[in-house]
């Protein structure tokens, strides 16, 4: 028995596994479905989901399906270390929505996935909306790309070594070599673009938000249907998103200088050559 196994708490481990499972099933799951999927005893799942519901982490609808509540988002805000993120960002998000007419979102990275924290809905009648708490892949999304691009080299390499470049369609970046090239482009531009790499017909542009120490703690991005986002428009929106991200970053005491951008590009180029 390893030391990790020795100090594990089985009930806690199962509860966390159930939360992670429900995070990937926005339509919810019944207790029997959870038990079958995780190969857990139904009575154990019954007790755990009951406790999570009582503590406000799960809701159970009339169809007896369990779903995550927004309570987990409060823990997410605390984990960012910047508990006033939404407060500092919401007016900037609204301004960006007014300038572009499109939905604006803000989110963070949680290990190998991104998580949506908040959104400001598009003013256009045809719009794309995402529920707060929704997870998204890092390699096939604009915010995911900026999270990775602005990591420290050692952290970035460790994450990419573990990453599975799942192919969603013909536009998905599905190899480490191609992704390294994409990261170079992100750092050169100051923003990232997703050309429908996970969801057909959807494009988005994102940029990083830094704290006062220069660590990327969040990302802001604009998303909308591809028929309103041609290549030229993507570049224009990209500069608007980068400016919005810089405004929020300055509120946390950060200013990204040109020589720092150059250092980050050289860092990524060196890492790419090593692989």
Protein backbone atom coordinates (compact mmCIF):
# COMPACT_ATOMS: atom_id res chain seq x y z
CA UNK A 1 0.00 0.00 0.00
CA UNK A 2 1.41 3.42 -0.98
CA UNK A 3 1.38 6.35 1.42
CA UNK A 4 -1.24 8.03 -0.80
CA UNK A 5 -3.56 5.02 -0.53
CA UNK A 6 -2.88 4.75 3.19
CA UNK A 7 -4.24 8.22 3.88
CA UNK A 8 -7.16 8.22 1.42
CA UNK A 9 -10.68 8.64 2.76
CA UNK A 10 -12.89 6.36 0.60
CA UNK A 11 -16.14 8.27 1.11
CA UNK A 12 -14.49 11.60 0.31
CA UNK A 13 -12.82 10.13 -2.76
CA UNK A 14 -16.17 8.82 -3.99
CA UNK A 15 -17.89 12.16 -3.35
CA UNK A 16 -15.28 14.03 -5.39
CA UNK A 17 -15.54 11.45 -8.17
CA UNK A 18 -19.32 11.97 -8.27
CA UNK A 19 -18.89 15.76 -8.47
CA UNK A 20 -16.41 15.40 -11.33
CA UNK A 21 -18.78 13.05 -13.16
CA UNK A 22 -21.74 15.41 -12.84
CA UNK A 23 -19.57 18.31 -14.04
CA UNK A 24 -19.38 16.56 -17.41
CA UNK A 25 -23.14 15.84 -17.55
CA UNK A 26 -24.96 19.17 -17.62
CA UNK A 27 -28.32 17.40 -18.10
CA UNK A 28 -27.86 15.64 -14.78
CA UNK A 29 -27.85 11.96 -13.86
CA UNK A 30 -30.07 9.71 -11.77
CA UNK A 31 -28.64 7.91 -8.78
CA UNK A 32 -28.66 4.52 -10.55
CA UNK A 33 -26.87 6.03 -13.56
CA UNK A 34 -24.17 7.43 -11.30
CA UNK A 35 -23.73 4.10 -9.54
CA UNK A 36 -23.56 2.15 -12.80
CA UNK A 37 -21.17 4.59 -14.47
CA UNK A 38 -18.75 4.62 -11.53
CA UNK A 39 -19.34 0.98 -10.56
CA UNK A 40 -20.18 2.00 -7.00
CA UNK A 41 -22.70 0.41 -4.60
CA UNK A 42 -26.10 2.14 -4.96
CA UNK A 43 -26.44 2.55 -1.20
CA UNK A 44 -23.10 4.38 -1.08
CA UNK A 45 -24.13 6.71 -3.91
CA UNK A 46 -27.46 7.30 -2.14
CA UNK A 47 -25.73 8.45 1.05
CA UNK A 48 -23.14 10.60 -0.72
CA UNK A 49 -25.58 12.37 -3.04
CA UNK A 50 -27.90 12.95 -0.08
CA UNK A 51 -25.09 14.60 1.88
CA UNK A 52 -24.02 16.73 -1.12
CA UNK A 53 -27.61 17.80 -1.68
CA UNK A 54 -28.04 18.70 1.97
CA UNK A 55 -24.87 20.84 1.84
CA UNK A 56 -26.11 22.66 -1.27
CA UNK A 57 -23.66 21.22 -3.82
CA UNK A 58 -26.30 19.23 -5.71
CA UNK A 59 -29.87 19.84 -6.79
CA UNK A 60 -32.36 17.06 -7.54
CA UNK A 61 -35.16 17.82 -9.99
CA UNK A 62 -38.61 16.27 -10.35
CA UNK A 63 -37.15 13.66 -12.69
CA UNK A 64 -34.79 12.59 -9.87
CA UNK A 65 -31.73 13.83 -11.76
CA UNK A 66 -28.85 15.30 -9.78
CA UNK A 67 -27.07 18.41 -11.06
CA UNK A 68 -24.30 20.59 -9.70
CA UNK A 69 -25.31 23.89 -8.13
CA UNK A 70 -23.53 27.23 -8.37
CA UNK A 71 -22.15 26.72 -4.86
CA UNK A 72 -19.04 25.11 -6.34
CA UNK A 73 -18.36 28.36 -8.21
CA UNK A 74 -17.83 30.13 -4.90
CA UNK A 75 -15.04 27.67 -4.17
CA UNK A 76 -13.68 28.32 -7.64
CA UNK A 77 -13.54 32.05 -6.98
CA UNK A 78 -11.60 31.43 -3.78
CA UNK A 79 -9.20 29.07 -5.58
CA UNK A 80 -8.31 31.81 -8.06
CA UNK A 81 -6.87 33.85 -5.21
CA UNK A 82 -8.63 36.90 -6.64
CA UNK A 83 -12.03 36.83 -4.98
CA UNK A 84 -13.03 40.11 -6.64
CA UNK A 85 -12.45 38.85 -10.19
CA UNK A 86 -16.06 39.19 -11.38
CA UNK A 87 -16.48 42.49 -9.55
CA UNK A 88 -13.41 43.89 -11.35
CA UNK A 89 -14.39 42.40 -14.71
CA UNK A 90 -18.15 42.73 -15.15
CA UNK A 91 -18.22 46.33 -16.41
CA UNK A 92 -15.36 45.58 -18.82
CA UNK A 93 -17.26 42.51 -20.05
CA UNK A 94 -20.37 44.62 -20.60
CA UNK A 95 -18.36 47.21 -22.52
CA UNK A 96 -16.80 44.50 -24.68
CA UNK A 97 -20.25 43.02 -25.36
CA UNK A 98 -21.52 46.47 -26.40
CA UNK A 99 -18.52 46.99 -28.70
CA UNK A 100 -18.78 43.58 -30.40
CA UNK A 101 -22.45 42.69 -30.01
CA UNK A 102 -21.37 39.17 -29.02
CA UNK A 103 -21.44 37.07 -25.84
CA UNK A 104 -18.49 37.72 -23.50
CA UNK A 105 -17.31 35.09 -21.00
CA UNK A 106 -14.76 34.83 -18.23
CA UNK A 107 -13.29 31.64 -16.80
CA UNK A 108 -10.37 29.87 -15.20
CA UNK A 109 -8.31 26.72 -15.66
CA UNK A 110 -8.81 23.74 -13.35
CA UNK A 111 -6.02 21.28 -14.11
CA UNK A 112 -6.67 19.85 -17.61
CA UNK A 113 -9.90 21.75 -18.29
CA UNK A 114 -11.27 25.26 -18.35
CA UNK A 115 -14.36 26.34 -16.41
CA UNK A 116 -16.78 29.14 -17.28
CA UNK A 117 -17.40 31.48 -14.33
CA UNK A 118 -19.65 34.18 -15.77
CA UNK A 119 -21.01 35.57 -19.03
CA UNK A 120 -22.62 38.69 -20.48
CA UNK A 121 -25.11 37.73 -23.18
CA UNK A 122 -24.84 39.02 -26.75
CA UNK A 123 -27.11 41.81 -27.91
CA UNK A 124 -27.65 40.01 -31.23
CA UNK A 125 -30.85 37.94 -31.49
CA UNK A 126 -28.85 34.88 -32.58
CA UNK A 127 -26.40 34.25 -29.77
CA UNK A 128 -24.35 31.56 -28.04
CA UNK A 129 -24.80 31.14 -24.28
CA UNK A 130 -22.91 28.92 -21.83
CA UNK A 131 -23.99 27.97 -18.33
CA UNK A 132 -21.53 29.03 -15.59
CA UNK A 133 -19.70 25.93 -14.40
CA UNK A 134 -19.43 24.46 -17.91
CA UNK A 135 -16.10 22.73 -18.61
CA UNK A 136 -14.21 23.02 -21.89
CA UNK A 137 -11.05 21.44 -23.36
CA UNK A 138 -7.85 23.48 -23.23
CA UNK A 139 -6.41 22.53 -26.61
CA UNK A 140 -9.55 23.31 -28.62
CA UNK A 141 -10.65 26.65 -27.14
CA UNK A 142 -9.37 30.22 -27.21
CA UNK A 143 -9.24 30.63 -23.41
CA UNK A 144 -7.59 27.22 -23.04
CA UNK A 145 -4.83 28.23 -25.43
CA UNK A 146 -4.06 31.42 -23.53
CA UNK A 147 -4.03 29.58 -20.19
CA UNK A 148 -1.33 27.28 -21.57
CA UNK A 149 0.59 29.92 -23.53
CA UNK A 150 1.24 32.12 -20.51
CA UNK A 151 2.19 29.38 -18.04
CA UNK A 152 5.74 29.09 -16.79
CA UNK A 153 7.76 26.77 -19.02
CA UNK A 154 8.07 23.88 -16.57
CA UNK A 155 4.36 23.93 -15.71
CA UNK A 156 3.38 24.18 -19.38
CA UNK A 157 5.58 21.27 -20.43
CA UNK A 158 4.29 19.10 -17.58
CA UNK A 159 0.70 19.80 -18.58
CA UNK A 160 1.28 19.22 -22.30
CA UNK A 161 3.06 15.94 -21.54
CA UNK A 162 -0.18 14.75 -19.91
CA UNK A 163 -2.55 16.20 -22.47
CA UNK A 164 -4.63 14.09 -24.83
CA UNK A 165 -5.25 16.09 -28.00
CA UNK A 166 -8.76 14.79 -28.60
CA UNK A 167 -9.88 15.35 -32.19
CA UNK A 168 -13.38 16.86 -32.39
CA UNK A 169 -13.33 17.71 -36.10
CA UNK A 170 -10.95 18.47 -38.96
CA UNK A 171 -10.04 21.87 -37.45
CA UNK A 172 -8.96 20.51 -34.07
CA UNK A 173 -5.26 20.85 -33.25
CA UNK A 174 -4.50 17.21 -32.51
CA UNK A 175 -0.72 17.02 -32.03
CA UNK A 176 1.88 18.49 -29.67
CA UNK A 177 3.93 19.88 -32.58
CA UNK A 178 1.00 21.78 -34.07
CA UNK A 179 -0.06 23.01 -30.64
CA UNK A 180 3.42 24.38 -29.90
CA UNK A 181 3.20 26.33 -33.16
CA UNK A 182 -0.22 27.64 -32.13
CA UNK A 183 1.16 28.80 -28.78
CA UNK A 184 3.88 30.79 -30.54
CA UNK A 185 1.18 32.55 -32.54
CA UNK A 186 -0.87 33.28 -29.41
CA UNK A 187 2.12 34.92 -27.74
CA UNK A 188 2.94 36.95 -30.85
CA UNK A 189 -0.65 38.21 -31.17
CA UNK A 190 -1.54 38.60 -27.50
CA UNK A 191 -4.78 36.69 -28.02
CA UNK A 192 -5.95 33.22 -29.11
CA UNK A 193 -8.50 32.19 -31.74
CA UNK A 194 -10.74 29.11 -31.87
CA UNK A 195 -12.10 28.52 -35.37
CA UNK A 196 -14.74 25.94 -34.49
CA UNK A 197 -12.13 23.46 -33.24
CA UNK A 198 -14.53 21.80 -30.81
CA UNK A 199 -18.01 22.96 -31.83
CA UNK A 200 -18.89 23.34 -35.50
CA UNK A 201 -19.99 26.82 -36.51
CA UNK A 202 -18.70 28.51 -33.36
CA UNK A 203 -15.73 30.87 -33.18
CA UNK A 204 -14.19 32.64 -30.22
CA UNK A 205 -11.29 34.94 -29.36
CA UNK A 206 -9.68 35.07 -25.90
CA UNK A 207 -6.92 36.81 -23.95
CA UNK A 208 -5.30 36.27 -20.53
CA UNK A 209 -5.98 38.13 -17.29
CA UNK A 210 -2.96 38.45 -14.97
CA UNK A 211 -2.67 39.11 -11.26
CA UNK A 212 -0.13 41.51 -9.75
CA UNK A 213 2.54 38.79 -9.78
CA UNK A 214 2.20 38.27 -13.52
CA UNK A 215 0.46 34.90 -13.21
CA UNK A 216 -2.43 34.19 -15.62
CA UNK A 217 -5.35 33.65 -13.26
CA UNK A 218 -8.26 33.87 -15.72
CA UNK A 219 -9.22 34.53 -19.33
CA UNK A 220 -11.83 36.66 -21.04
CA UNK A 221 -13.23 35.75 -24.44
CA UNK A 222 -15.84 36.66 -27.03
CA UNK A 223 -17.83 33.95 -28.78
CA UNK A 224 -20.37 33.82 -31.57
CA UNK A 225 -21.48 32.11 -34.78
CA UNK A 226 -18.90 31.75 -37.54
CA UNK A 227 -21.02 33.63 -40.11
CA UNK A 228 -20.38 36.83 -38.09
CA UNK A 229 -16.68 36.07 -37.47
CA UNK A 230 -14.66 36.16 -40.68
CA UNK A 231 -10.85 36.16 -40.48
CA UNK A 232 -10.53 39.95 -40.62
CA UNK A 233 -13.19 40.42 -37.95
CA UNK A 234 -11.46 37.88 -35.70
CA UNK A 235 -8.30 40.00 -35.71
CA UNK A 236 -10.25 43.16 -34.88
CA UNK A 237 -12.11 41.45 -32.03
CA UNK A 238 -8.85 39.90 -30.84
CA UNK A 239 -7.34 43.32 -30.26
CA UNK A 240 -10.50 44.44 -28.44
CA UNK A 241 -10.42 41.36 -26.20
CA UNK A 242 -6.71 41.83 -25.44
CA UNK A 243 -7.36 45.46 -24.48
CA UNK A 244 -10.22 44.40 -22.20
CA UNK A 245 -8.03 41.75 -20.56
CA UNK A 246 -5.27 44.32 -20.00
CA UNK A 247 -7.77 46.68 -18.34
CA UNK A 248 -8.84 43.96 -15.89
CA UNK A 249 -5.21 42.94 -15.28
CA UNK A 250 -4.27 46.53 -14.41
CA UNK A 251 -6.99 46.53 -11.79
CA UNK A 252 -5.06 43.71 -10.14
CA UNK A 253 -1.83 45.72 -10.32
CA UNK A 254 -0.29 44.12 -13.42
CA UNK A 255 1.19 45.69 -16.54
CA UNK A 256 2.61 43.48 -19.33
CA UNK A 257 5.60 45.21 -20.88
CA UNK A 258 6.76 44.58 -24.49
CA UNK A 259 10.05 42.96 -23.40
CA UNK A 260 8.11 40.48 -21.26
CA UNK A 261 6.08 39.42 -24.31
CA UNK A 262 9.33 38.82 -26.19
CA UNK A 263 10.74 36.74 -23.31
CA UNK A 264 7.63 34.53 -23.31
CA UNK A 265 7.87 33.91 -27.09
CA UNK A 266 11.54 32.96 -26.84
CA UNK A 267 10.71 30.65 -23.94
CA UNK A 268 8.09 28.77 -25.99
CA UNK A 269 10.33 28.60 -29.08
CA UNK A 270 13.06 27.01 -26.96
CA UNK A 271 10.64 24.46 -25.54
CA UNK A 272 9.32 23.58 -29.00
CA UNK A 273 12.84 22.95 -30.28
CA UNK A 274 13.47 20.59 -27.36
CA UNK A 275 10.49 18.40 -28.33
